[in-house]
C-alpha atoms as a PDB file:
ATOM      1  CA  MET A   1      17.863  56.639  76.224  1.00  0.00           C
ATOM      2  CA  ASP A   2      20.452  56.794  78.993  1.00  0.00           C
ATOM      3  CA  ASP A   3      18.875  58.500  82.044  1.00  0.00           C
ATOM      4  CA  SER A   4      22.252  59.859  83.101  1.00  0.00           C
ATOM      5  CA  LYS A   5      22.797  61.844  79.884  1.00  0.00           C
ATOM      6  CA  THR A   6      23.352  65.540  80.530  1.00  0.00           C
ATOM      7  CA  VAL A   7      23.083  68.499  78.188  1.00  0.00           C
ATOM      8  CA  GLU A   8      26.279  69.284  76.290  1.00  0.00           C
ATOM      9  CA  THR A   9      27.278  71.724  73.560  1.00  0.00           C
ATOM     10  CA  GLY A  10      25.726  70.721  70.233  1.00  0.00           C
ATOM     11  CA  ASP A  11      22.799  68.759  71.710  1.00  0.00           C
ATOM     12  CA  TYR A  12      19.363  69.371  70.266  1.00  0.00           C
ATOM     13  CA  ILE A  13      16.891  69.761  73.107  1.00  0.00           C
ATOM     14  CA  LEU A  14      13.321  70.663  74.003  1.00  0.00           C
ATOM     15  CA  VAL A  15      12.659  72.812  77.073  1.00  0.00           C
ATOM     16  CA  ASP A  16       9.558  74.197  78.698  1.00  0.00           C
ATOM     17  CA  TYR A  17      10.106  77.621  80.213  1.00  0.00           C
ATOM     18  CA  ALA A  18       8.591  80.558  82.028  1.00  0.00           C
ATOM     19  CA  ALA A  19      10.390  83.869  81.462  1.00  0.00           C
ATOM     20  CA  LYS A  20       9.857  86.470  84.166  1.00  0.00           C
ATOM     21  CA  PHE A  21      11.033  89.854  85.309  1.00  0.00           C
ATOM     22  CA  GLU A  22      12.744  90.080  88.679  1.00  0.00           C
ATOM     23  CA  ASP A  23       9.426  91.035  90.323  1.00  0.00           C
ATOM     24  CA  GLY A  24       7.972  87.665  89.230  1.00  0.00           C
ATOM     25  CA  THR A  25       5.820  88.994  86.371  1.00  0.00           C
ATOM     26  CA  VAL A  26       5.645  86.376  83.590  1.00  0.00           C
ATOM     27  CA  PHE A  27       6.188  87.904  80.138  1.00  0.00           C
ATOM     28  CA  ASP A  28       6.656  84.733  78.051  1.00  0.00           C
ATOM     29  CA  THR A  29       6.167  81.006  78.463  1.00  0.00           C
ATOM     30  CA  SER A  30       5.918  77.776  76.521  1.00  0.00           C
ATOM     31  CA  LEU A  31       3.079  76.628  78.793  1.00  0.00           C
ATOM     32  CA  LYS A  32      -0.458  77.447  77.658  1.00  0.00           C
ATOM     33  CA  GLU A  33      -2.036  77.229  81.132  1.00  0.00           C
ATOM     34  CA  LEU A  34       0.612  79.475  82.683  1.00  0.00           C
ATOM     35  CA  ALA A  35       0.096  82.007  79.882  1.00  0.00           C
ATOM     36  CA  LYS A  36      -3.627  82.071  80.698  1.00  0.00           C
ATOM     37  CA  GLU A  37      -2.949  82.445  84.452  1.00  0.00           C
ATOM     38  CA  ALA A  38      -0.464  85.274  83.802  1.00  0.00           C
ATOM     39  CA  GLY A  39      -2.846  87.113  81.449  1.00  0.00           C
ATOM     40  CA  ILE A  40      -0.472  86.880  78.472  1.00  0.00           C
ATOM     41  CA  TYR A  41      -2.262  84.138  76.512  1.00  0.00           C
ATOM     42  CA  GLU A  42      -2.370  84.755  72.758  1.00  0.00           C
ATOM     43  CA  GLU A  43      -4.998  82.977  70.676  1.00  0.00           C
ATOM     44  CA  GLY A  44      -3.397  81.120  67.778  1.00  0.00           C
ATOM     45  CA  LYS A  45       0.084  81.030  69.339  1.00  0.00           C
ATOM     46  CA  ASN A  46       1.697  77.595  69.331  1.00  0.00           C
ATOM     47  CA  TYR A  47       2.474  76.787  72.943  1.00  0.00           C
ATOM     48  CA  GLY A  48       4.860  73.927  73.542  1.00  0.00           C
ATOM     49  CA  PRO A  49       8.497  73.180  74.266  1.00  0.00           C
ATOM     50  CA  LEU A  50      11.203  75.353  72.726  1.00  0.00           C
ATOM     51  CA  PHE A  51      13.544  73.445  70.394  1.00  0.00           C
ATOM     52  CA  PHE A  52      17.135  74.596  70.003  1.00  0.00           C
ATOM     53  CA  ARG A  53      20.719  73.450  69.580  1.00  0.00           C
ATOM     54  CA  VAL A  54      22.805  74.123  72.672  1.00  0.00           C
ATOM     55  CA  LYS A  55      25.431  76.811  72.011  1.00  0.00           C
ATOM     56  CA  GLY A  56      24.010  77.204  68.500  1.00  0.00           C
ATOM     57  CA  ARG A  57      23.371  80.947  69.009  1.00  0.00           C
ATOM     58  CA  GLN A  58      19.632  80.392  68.660  1.00  0.00           C
ATOM     59  CA  VAL A  59      18.554  81.593  72.118  1.00  0.00           C
ATOM     60  CA  ILE A  60      19.831  84.143  74.627  1.00  0.00           C
ATOM     61  CA  THR A  61      23.218  83.326  76.165  1.00  0.00           C
ATOM     62  CA  GLY A  62      21.826  82.942  79.693  1.00  0.00           C
ATOM     63  CA  LEU A  63      19.497  80.147  78.569  1.00  0.00           C
ATOM     64  CA  ASP A  64      22.128  78.542  76.337  1.00  0.00           C
ATOM     65  CA  GLU A  65      24.633  78.376  79.192  1.00  0.00           C
ATOM     66  CA  GLY A  66      22.036  77.637  81.878  1.00  0.00           C
ATOM     67  CA  VAL A  67      20.868  74.313  80.446  1.00  0.00           C
ATOM     68  CA  ALA A  68      24.389  72.820  80.461  1.00  0.00           C
ATOM     69  CA  GLY A  69      24.535  69.693  82.584  1.00  0.00           C
ATOM     70  CA  MET A  70      20.755  69.292  82.945  1.00  0.00           C
ATOM     71  CA  LYS A  71      19.076  65.874  82.734  1.00  0.00           C
ATOM     72  CA  VAL A  72      15.653  65.059  81.278  1.00  0.00           C
ATOM     73  CA  GLY A  73      12.943  66.056  83.749  1.00  0.00           C
ATOM     74  CA  GLU A  74      15.254  68.383  85.685  1.00  0.00           C
ATOM     75  CA  GLU A  75      14.004  71.865  86.500  1.00  0.00           C
ATOM     76  CA  LYS A  76      16.183  74.893  87.104  1.00  0.00           C
ATOM     77  CA  THR A  77      15.732  78.601  87.837  1.00  0.00           C
ATOM     78  CA  LEU A  78      18.180  80.783  85.911  1.00  0.00           C
ATOM     79  CA  MET A  79      19.008  84.327  87.021  1.00  0.00           C
ATOM     80  CA  ILE A  80      20.066  86.045  83.803  1.00  0.00           C
ATOM     81  CA  PRO A  81      21.764  89.470  83.875  1.00  0.00           C
ATOM     82  CA  PRO A  82      21.120  91.896  80.975  1.00  0.00           C
ATOM     83  CA  GLU A  83      24.473  91.135  79.317  1.00  0.00           C
ATOM     84  CA  ASN A  84      23.432  87.462  78.950  1.00  0.00           C
ATOM     85  CA  ALA A  85      19.909  88.340  77.834  1.00  0.00           C
ATOM     86  CA  TYR A  86      19.128  91.277  75.526  1.00  0.00           C
ATOM     87  CA  GLY A  87      22.078  93.485  76.412  1.00  0.00           C
ATOM     88  CA  ALA A  88      22.389  96.851  78.089  1.00  0.00           C
ATOM     89  CA  TYR A  89      19.985  99.673  77.325  1.00  0.00           C
ATOM     90  CA  LYS A  90      21.765 102.021  74.901  1.00  0.00           C
ATOM     91  CA  ASP A  91      20.850 105.705  74.999  1.00  0.00           C
ATOM     92  CA  TYR A  92      22.173 106.264  71.476  1.00  0.00           C
ATOM     93  CA  LEU A  93      19.408 103.974  70.186  1.00  0.00           C
ATOM     94  CA  VAL A  94      16.845 106.625  71.156  1.00  0.00           C
ATOM     95  CA  GLN A  95      16.594 108.915  68.149  1.00  0.00           C
ATOM     96  CA  LYS A  96      14.507 111.866  67.001  1.00  0.00           C
ATOM     97  CA  ILE A  97      13.518 111.303  63.368  1.00  0.00           C
ATOM     98  CA  PRO A  98      11.548 113.530  60.982  1.00  0.00           C
ATOM     99  CA  LEU A  99       8.076 112.172  60.174  1.00  0.00           C
ATOM    100  CA  ALA A 100       8.822 112.471  56.449  1.00  0.00           C
ATOM    101  CA  ARG A 101      11.763 110.084  56.852  1.00  0.00           C
ATOM    102  CA  LEU A 102       9.416 107.675  58.606  1.00  0.00           C
ATOM    103  CA  GLU A 103       6.925 108.064  55.741  1.00  0.00           C
ATOM    104  CA  LEU A 104       4.272 109.254  58.214  1.00  0.00           C
ATOM    105  CA  GLU A 105       1.813 112.064  57.625  1.00  0.00           C
ATOM    106  CA  THR A 106       0.484 112.258  61.176  1.00  0.00           C
ATOM    107  CA  PRO A 107       2.496 111.967  64.392  1.00  0.00           C
ATOM    108  CA  PRO A 108       2.312 108.580  66.124  1.00  0.00           C
ATOM    109  CA  GLU A 109       1.146 108.398  69.748  1.00  0.00           C
ATOM    110  CA  PRO A 110       3.719 108.037  72.543  1.00  0.00           C
ATOM    111  CA  GLY A 111       3.791 104.398  73.716  1.00  0.00           C
ATOM    112  CA  GLU A 112       2.669 103.158  70.308  1.00  0.00           C
ATOM    113  CA  LYS A 113       4.783 100.696  68.330  1.00  0.00           C
ATOM    114  CA  ILE A 114       5.415 101.527  64.704  1.00  0.00           C
ATOM    115  CA  THR A 115       7.355  99.872  61.909  1.00  0.00           C
ATOM    116  CA  THR A 116      10.046 101.972  60.248  1.00  0.00           C
ATOM    117  CA  PRO A 117      10.464 102.036  56.449  1.00  0.00           C
ATOM    118  CA  GLY A 118      13.425  99.688  57.045  1.00  0.00           C
ATOM    119  CA  GLY A 119      11.104  97.134  58.677  1.00  0.00           C
ATOM    120  CA  LYS A 120      12.188  97.590  62.315  1.00  0.00           C
ATOM    121  CA  GLU A 121       9.450  97.673  64.963  1.00  0.00           C
ATOM    122  CA  VAL A 122      10.178 100.486  67.427  1.00  0.00           C
ATOM    123  CA  ARG A 123       8.487 102.173  70.368  1.00  0.00           C
ATOM    124  CA  VAL A 124       7.452 105.827  70.131  1.00  0.00           C
ATOM    125  CA  LEU A 125       8.609 107.855  73.150  1.00  0.00           C
ATOM    126  CA  ALA A 126       7.400 111.294  72.007  1.00  0.00           C
ATOM    127  CA  SER A 127       6.200 113.050  68.870  1.00  0.00           C
ATOM    128  CA  ASP A 128       5.168 116.396  67.469  1.00  0.00           C
ATOM    129  CA  GLU A 129       4.011 117.655  64.054  1.00  0.00           C
ATOM    130  CA  LYS A 130       7.490 117.326  62.539  1.00  0.00           C
ATOM    131  CA  SER A 131       9.253 114.399  64.223  1.00  0.00           C
ATOM    132  CA  ALA A 132       9.031 111.375  66.481  1.00  0.00           C
ATOM    133  CA  THR A 133      11.455 110.210  69.167  1.00  0.00           C
ATOM    134  CA  LEU A 134      11.881 106.469  68.732  1.00  0.00           C
ATOM    135  CA  ASP A 135      13.466 103.807  70.916  1.00  0.00           C
ATOM    136  CA  PHE A 136      15.330 101.244  68.809  1.00  0.00           C
ATOM    137  CA  ASN A 137      16.394  99.183  71.858  1.00  0.00           C
ATOM    138  CA  ASN A 138      14.909  95.725  72.329  1.00  0.00           C
ATOM    139  CA  GLU A 139      12.099  96.162  74.855  1.00  0.00           C
ATOM    140  CA  LEU A 140      13.961  93.747  77.190  1.00  0.00           C
ATOM    141  CA  ALA A 141      17.307  95.577  76.931  1.00  0.00           C
ATOM    142  CA  GLY A 142      18.768  96.486  80.304  1.00  0.00           C
ATOM    143  CA  LYS A 143      16.547  94.049  82.178  1.00  0.00           C
ATOM    144  CA  ALA A 144      17.645  91.112  84.302  1.00  0.00           C
ATOM    145  CA  LEU A 145      15.484  88.059  83.630  1.00  0.00           C
ATOM    146  CA  VAL A 146      14.475  84.995  85.607  1.00  0.00           C
ATOM    147  CA  MET A 147      13.832  81.833  83.596  1.00  0.00           C
ATOM    148  CA  GLU A 148      12.335  78.693  85.033  1.00  0.00           C
ATOM    149  CA  VAL A 149      13.267  75.875  82.661  1.00  0.00           C
ATOM    150  CA  LYS A 150      12.549  72.164  82.501  1.00  0.00           C
ATOM    151  CA  LEU A 151      14.449  69.868  80.163  1.00  0.00           C
ATOM    152  CA  VAL A 152      11.706  67.949  78.356  1.00  0.00           C
ATOM    153  CA  SER A 153      13.883  65.797  76.114  1.00  0.00           C
ATOM    154  CA  PHE A 154      16.889  65.377  73.916  1.00  0.00           C
ATOM    155  CA  VAL A 155      16.045  65.290  70.220  1.00  0.00           C
ATOM    156  CA  GLY A 156      17.912  62.720  68.157  1.00  0.00           C
ATOM    157  CA  GLY A 157      18.374  62.686  64.429  1.00  0.00           C
ATOM    158  CA  ALA A 158      18.590  66.453  64.027  1.00  0.00           C
ATOM    159  CA  GLU A 159      22.040  66.236  62.478  1.00  0.00           C
ATOM    160  CA  SER A 160      20.886  63.800  59.816  1.00  0.00           C
ATOM    161  CA  GLY A 161      17.949  65.906  58.676  1.00  0.00           C
ATOM    162  CA  GLU A 162      15.488  63.517  60.289  1.00  0.00           C
ATOM    163  CA  LEU A 163      13.675  66.545  61.703  1.00  0.00           C
ATOM    164  CA  SER A 164      13.017  68.330  58.435  1.00  0.00           C
ATOM    165  CA  GLY A 165      10.456  71.061  58.864  1.00  0.00           C
ATOM    166  CA  ILE A 166      11.528  71.926  62.418  1.00  0.00           C
ATOM    167  CA  ASN A 167      13.407  75.174  62.766  1.00  0.00           C
ATOM    168  CA  PRO A 168      15.687  75.491  65.806  1.00  0.00           C
ATOM    169  CA  GLY A 169      14.586  78.289  68.120  1.00  0.00           C
ATOM    170  CA  GLU A 170      10.910  77.834  67.253  1.00  0.00           C
ATOM    171  CA  LYS A 171       8.344  76.343  69.559  1.00  0.00           C
ATOM    172  CA  LEU A 172       6.860  73.009  68.639  1.00  0.00           C
ATOM    173  CA  LYS A 173       3.183  72.347  69.025  1.00  0.00           C
ATOM    174  CA  GLU A 174       2.314  68.689  69.255  1.00  0.00           C
ATOM    175  CA  ARG A 175       4.902  66.733  67.347  1.00  0.00           C
ATOM    176  CA  THR A 176       5.998  63.170  67.746  1.00  0.00           C
ATOM    177  CA  LEU A 177       9.771  62.958  67.707  1.00  0.00           C
END
């Protein structure tokens, strides 16, 4: 492979990453050891590089645009504003809903996450005997993110179906490409 190749639109790539809040707190990573150090390790989770097609709308815009021009082995820190991550926090997505409509007999606890009858996981902000105030925003909405990324490799053959069984946007465990 040509060492001077840089990431362009349409490339299939693998990246390792550490996603952080502006205060440096790691909330997601592809690196098992970092997850353990940060106290966010999940047993059974497949840690490994993230596979995606550049500008394929498979990852947040800030990551998609931030990898442009990178070379294999290059590392970069991306400062991603909310509009290029999970969007602005929207007050209208906080709604008070009757418990009966949520198919709940007892009020959920504030801070708890519940799944609505429509299948959406939401955070409970408040509740009483008759209703619950739910936040339908993504939990990262309104937050600026810092992503440390390393381009692990370009993945060839994706267009021809050579990588059957790999879904773009999903992390790969140990796979020989």
